[in-house]
N, C-alpha and C. Protein backbone atom coordinates (compact mmCIF):
# COMPACT_ATOMS: atom_id res chain seq x y z
N MET A 1 10.38 -8.13 -9.74
CA MET A 1 9.26 -7.90 -8.93
C MET A 1 9.53 -8.15 -7.40
N ILE A 2 9.07 -7.17 -6.65
CA ILE A 2 9.21 -7.46 -5.18
C ILE A 2 7.91 -7.42 -4.59
N GLU A 3 7.55 -8.34 -3.45
CA GLU A 3 6.37 -8.51 -2.78
C GLU A 3 6.83 -8.32 -1.30
N LYS A 4 5.94 -7.66 -0.57
CA LYS A 4 6.15 -7.51 0.68
C LYS A 4 4.83 -7.55 1.61
N ASN A 5 4.58 -8.22 2.59
CA ASN A 5 3.58 -8.43 3.39
C ASN A 5 3.46 -7.41 4.46
N TYR A 6 2.35 -6.96 4.97
CA TYR A 6 2.23 -6.07 6.23
C TYR A 6 0.90 -6.29 6.81
N LYS A 7 1.07 -6.16 8.15
CA LYS A 7 -0.31 -6.31 9.00
C LYS A 7 -0.74 -4.97 9.33
N VAL A 8 -1.96 -4.43 8.92
CA VAL A 8 -2.50 -3.09 9.30
C VAL A 8 -2.58 -3.00 10.79
N THR A 9 -1.98 -2.09 11.36
CA THR A 9 -1.89 -1.86 12.87
C THR A 9 -2.96 -0.73 13.20
N SER A 10 -3.06 0.16 12.36
CA SER A 10 -3.88 1.40 12.46
C SER A 10 -5.17 1.07 12.99
N ASN A 11 -5.89 1.57 14.02
CA ASN A 11 -7.05 1.21 14.76
C ASN A 11 -8.28 1.43 13.70
N GLU A 12 -8.12 2.44 12.84
CA GLU A 12 -9.20 2.59 11.67
C GLU A 12 -8.97 1.89 10.49
N GLY A 13 -7.97 0.99 10.48
CA GLY A 13 -7.63 0.37 9.15
C GLY A 13 -7.23 1.28 8.12
N LEU A 14 -7.20 0.89 6.85
CA LEU A 14 -6.73 1.80 5.81
C LEU A 14 -7.85 2.55 5.18
N HIS A 15 -8.09 3.67 6.00
CA HIS A 15 -9.19 4.63 5.81
C HIS A 15 -8.75 5.83 4.89
N ALA A 16 -9.38 6.81 4.52
CA ALA A 16 -9.08 7.78 3.59
C ALA A 16 -7.71 8.40 3.67
N ARG A 17 -7.45 8.96 4.88
CA ARG A 17 -6.24 9.66 5.07
C ARG A 17 -5.09 8.96 4.74
N PRO A 18 -4.83 7.65 5.37
CA PRO A 18 -3.66 6.86 5.11
C PRO A 18 -3.53 6.26 3.80
N SER A 19 -4.75 6.02 3.09
CA SER A 19 -4.78 5.61 1.68
C SER A 19 -4.39 6.68 0.89
N SER A 20 -4.76 8.10 1.08
CA SER A 20 -4.23 9.01 0.29
C SER A 20 -2.75 9.35 0.36
N VAL A 21 -2.24 9.07 1.63
CA VAL A 21 -0.76 9.11 1.85
C VAL A 21 -0.15 8.35 1.23
N LEU A 22 -0.42 6.94 1.10
CA LEU A 22 0.21 6.02 0.32
C LEU A 22 0.13 6.18 -1.03
N VAL A 23 -1.04 6.51 -1.69
CA VAL A 23 -1.32 6.73 -3.16
C VAL A 23 -0.35 8.00 -3.71
N SER A 24 -0.29 8.84 -2.78
CA SER A 24 0.60 10.09 -3.14
C SER A 24 2.09 9.68 -2.97
N ALA A 25 2.58 8.71 -2.24
CA ALA A 25 3.85 8.48 -2.11
C ALA A 25 4.32 7.67 -3.27
N VAL A 26 3.42 6.72 -3.70
CA VAL A 26 3.95 5.83 -4.95
C VAL A 26 3.73 6.40 -6.34
N THR A 27 2.76 7.48 -6.25
CA THR A 27 2.34 7.93 -7.80
C THR A 27 3.68 8.46 -8.64
N PRO A 28 4.61 9.04 -8.04
CA PRO A 28 5.72 9.57 -8.83
C PRO A 28 6.59 8.56 -9.49
N PHE A 29 6.48 7.17 -8.87
CA PHE A 29 7.33 6.00 -9.29
C PHE A 29 6.72 5.65 -10.81
N THR A 30 7.68 5.00 -11.56
CA THR A 30 7.34 4.53 -12.90
C THR A 30 6.81 3.00 -12.83
N SER A 31 7.24 2.30 -11.74
CA SER A 31 7.08 0.94 -11.64
C SER A 31 5.28 0.59 -11.39
N ASP A 32 4.89 -0.46 -11.74
CA ASP A 32 3.56 -0.79 -11.32
C ASP A 32 3.59 -1.04 -9.82
N VAL A 33 2.44 -0.70 -9.29
CA VAL A 33 2.45 -1.16 -7.82
C VAL A 33 1.16 -1.54 -7.42
N LYS A 34 0.96 -2.73 -6.87
CA LYS A 34 -0.43 -3.30 -6.54
C LYS A 34 -0.57 -3.69 -5.19
N LEU A 35 -1.78 -3.45 -4.68
CA LEU A 35 -2.04 -3.76 -3.19
C LEU A 35 -2.93 -5.00 -3.39
N ALA A 36 -2.75 -6.05 -2.48
CA ALA A 36 -3.38 -7.38 -2.55
C ALA A 36 -4.01 -7.61 -1.23
N TYR A 37 -5.53 -7.86 -1.29
CA TYR A 37 -6.01 -8.07 0.23
C TYR A 37 -7.30 -9.00 -0.20
N MET A 38 -7.34 -10.12 0.59
CA MET A 38 -8.35 -10.86 0.46
C MET A 38 -8.77 -11.29 -1.03
N GLU A 39 -7.81 -11.93 -1.89
CA GLU A 39 -8.03 -12.50 -3.02
C GLU A 39 -8.27 -11.32 -4.00
N LYS A 40 -8.24 -10.12 -3.66
CA LYS A 40 -8.51 -8.93 -4.71
C LYS A 40 -7.21 -8.04 -4.82
N THR A 41 -6.76 -7.57 -6.13
CA THR A 41 -5.75 -6.83 -6.18
C THR A 41 -6.25 -5.49 -6.91
N VAL A 42 -5.56 -4.36 -6.33
CA VAL A 42 -5.68 -3.14 -6.99
C VAL A 42 -4.76 -2.27 -7.17
N ASN A 43 -4.68 -1.41 -8.11
CA ASN A 43 -3.44 -0.59 -8.38
C ASN A 43 -3.30 0.43 -7.17
N LEU A 44 -2.15 0.39 -6.52
CA LEU A 44 -2.05 1.31 -5.29
C LEU A 44 -1.86 2.69 -5.73
N LYS A 45 -1.76 3.18 -6.96
CA LYS A 45 -2.03 4.56 -7.40
C LYS A 45 -3.44 4.94 -7.68
N SER A 46 -4.20 4.32 -7.19
CA SER A 46 -5.59 4.61 -7.51
C SER A 46 -6.36 4.65 -6.02
N ILE A 47 -6.70 5.84 -5.56
CA ILE A 47 -7.32 5.86 -4.30
C ILE A 47 -8.76 5.23 -4.30
N MET A 48 -9.45 5.32 -5.31
CA MET A 48 -10.56 4.54 -5.45
C MET A 48 -10.45 3.07 -5.31
N GLY A 49 -9.38 2.50 -5.96
CA GLY A 49 -9.19 1.27 -5.86
C GLY A 49 -8.86 0.72 -4.50
N VAL A 50 -8.03 1.56 -3.89
CA VAL A 50 -7.64 1.29 -2.56
C VAL A 50 -8.71 1.24 -1.46
N MET A 51 -9.65 2.23 -1.55
CA MET A 51 -10.79 2.59 -0.76
C MET A 51 -11.75 1.38 -1.03
N SER A 52 -11.89 0.90 -2.05
CA SER A 52 -12.96 -0.12 -2.48
C SER A 52 -12.52 -1.38 -1.72
N LEU A 53 -11.39 -1.59 -1.30
CA LEU A 53 -10.92 -2.95 -0.45
C LEU A 53 -11.56 -2.77 0.95
N GLY A 54 -11.77 -1.72 1.55
CA GLY A 54 -12.32 -1.85 2.88
C GLY A 54 -11.58 -2.44 3.80
N ILE A 55 -10.38 -2.08 3.79
CA ILE A 55 -9.28 -2.84 4.65
C ILE A 55 -9.37 -2.30 6.09
N SER A 56 -9.63 -3.29 7.08
CA SER A 56 -9.72 -3.03 8.52
C SER A 56 -8.56 -3.27 9.27
N ALA A 57 -8.62 -2.68 10.46
CA ALA A 57 -7.52 -2.98 11.38
C ALA A 57 -7.15 -4.52 11.54
N GLY A 58 -5.92 -4.90 11.70
CA GLY A 58 -5.72 -6.20 11.78
C GLY A 58 -5.41 -7.16 10.42
N ALA A 59 -5.69 -6.51 9.43
CA ALA A 59 -5.75 -7.01 8.06
C ALA A 59 -4.24 -7.46 7.60
N ASP A 60 -4.26 -8.41 6.84
CA ASP A 60 -2.93 -8.64 6.17
C ASP A 60 -2.90 -8.35 4.70
N ILE A 61 -1.95 -7.45 4.31
CA ILE A 61 -2.00 -6.85 3.02
C ILE A 61 -0.62 -7.40 2.30
N LYS A 62 -0.82 -7.28 1.09
CA LYS A 62 0.45 -7.60 0.30
C LYS A 62 0.72 -6.36 -0.62
N ILE A 63 2.00 -5.72 -0.82
CA ILE A 63 2.08 -4.80 -1.70
C ILE A 63 3.18 -5.37 -2.66
N ILE A 64 3.00 -5.33 -3.90
CA ILE A 64 3.67 -5.87 -5.25
C ILE A 64 4.28 -4.79 -5.97
N ALA A 65 5.47 -4.65 -6.19
CA ALA A 65 6.11 -3.70 -7.17
C ALA A 65 6.77 -4.39 -8.26
N ASP A 66 6.58 -3.72 -9.37
CA ASP A 66 7.24 -4.37 -10.58
C ASP A 66 7.53 -3.32 -11.63
N GLY A 67 9.05 -3.12 -11.89
CA GLY A 67 9.46 -2.08 -12.80
C GLY A 67 10.79 -1.64 -12.56
N GLU A 68 11.15 -0.63 -13.23
CA GLU A 68 12.59 0.00 -13.09
C GLU A 68 13.12 0.43 -11.87
N ASP A 69 11.90 1.03 -11.08
CA ASP A 69 12.46 1.69 -9.76
C ASP A 69 11.66 1.09 -8.85
N GLU A 70 11.35 -0.16 -8.74
CA GLU A 70 10.75 -1.13 -7.84
C GLU A 70 11.29 -1.10 -6.35
N GLU A 71 12.66 -1.10 -6.30
CA GLU A 71 13.34 -1.00 -5.11
C GLU A 71 13.10 0.21 -4.34
N ALA A 72 13.23 1.31 -4.88
CA ALA A 72 13.11 2.50 -4.33
C ALA A 72 11.56 2.94 -3.97
N LEU A 73 10.76 2.40 -4.75
CA LEU A 73 9.32 2.39 -4.57
C LEU A 73 8.95 1.62 -3.32
N MET A 74 9.58 0.54 -3.19
CA MET A 74 9.15 -0.45 -1.99
C MET A 74 9.70 0.17 -0.71
N ALA A 75 10.98 0.78 -0.95
CA ALA A 75 11.51 1.39 0.26
C ALA A 75 10.54 2.63 0.74
N LYS A 76 10.03 3.38 -0.12
CA LYS A 76 9.30 4.46 0.05
C LYS A 76 7.86 4.06 0.81
N VAL A 77 7.31 2.88 0.29
CA VAL A 77 6.15 2.27 0.87
C VAL A 77 6.29 1.85 2.22
N ASP A 78 7.43 1.18 2.45
CA ASP A 78 7.87 0.70 3.77
C ASP A 78 8.02 1.80 4.75
N GLU A 79 8.75 2.92 4.33
CA GLU A 79 8.88 4.04 5.27
C GLU A 79 7.45 4.75 5.55
N VAL A 80 6.62 4.94 4.50
CA VAL A 80 5.31 5.55 4.82
C VAL A 80 4.46 4.74 5.79
N ILE A 81 4.42 3.39 5.51
CA ILE A 81 3.66 2.46 6.35
C ILE A 81 4.03 2.57 7.79
N LYS A 82 5.17 2.54 8.03
CA LYS A 82 5.81 2.70 9.43
C LYS A 82 5.92 4.05 10.01
N SER A 83 6.10 5.01 9.25
CA SER A 83 6.21 6.42 9.75
C SER A 83 4.81 6.94 10.09
N GLU A 84 3.88 6.51 9.37
CA GLU A 84 2.45 7.05 9.43
C GLU A 84 1.58 6.12 10.50
N GLY A 85 2.21 5.01 10.95
CA GLY A 85 1.52 4.11 11.96
C GLY A 85 0.53 3.34 11.08
N ILE A 86 0.61 3.17 9.92
CA ILE A 86 -0.48 2.29 9.17
C ILE A 86 -0.30 0.83 9.51
N GLY A 87 0.99 0.33 9.53
CA GLY A 87 1.09 -1.07 9.67
C GLY A 87 2.59 -1.40 10.18
N GLU A 88 2.88 -2.71 10.05
CA GLU A 88 4.17 -3.21 10.40
C GLU A 88 4.53 -4.39 9.42
């Protein structure tokens, strides 16, 4: 299992477009991947789950990957979060 923390730097927070980009990026992987925010954890492969958290700018989030391709999955998450200006 791999866990990584990020701070959301996008002014709009994790709204529909960046959420869908993240979900699309992780869906092809076989590993389980979760997004944790304020005591709640959702499946990062579920756009509705991600949107239900209402993550705003400046929020601290955690991505948790567990499975056979967890390292590749986490590398992709890291790439998307930074290249899309979602967080750091």
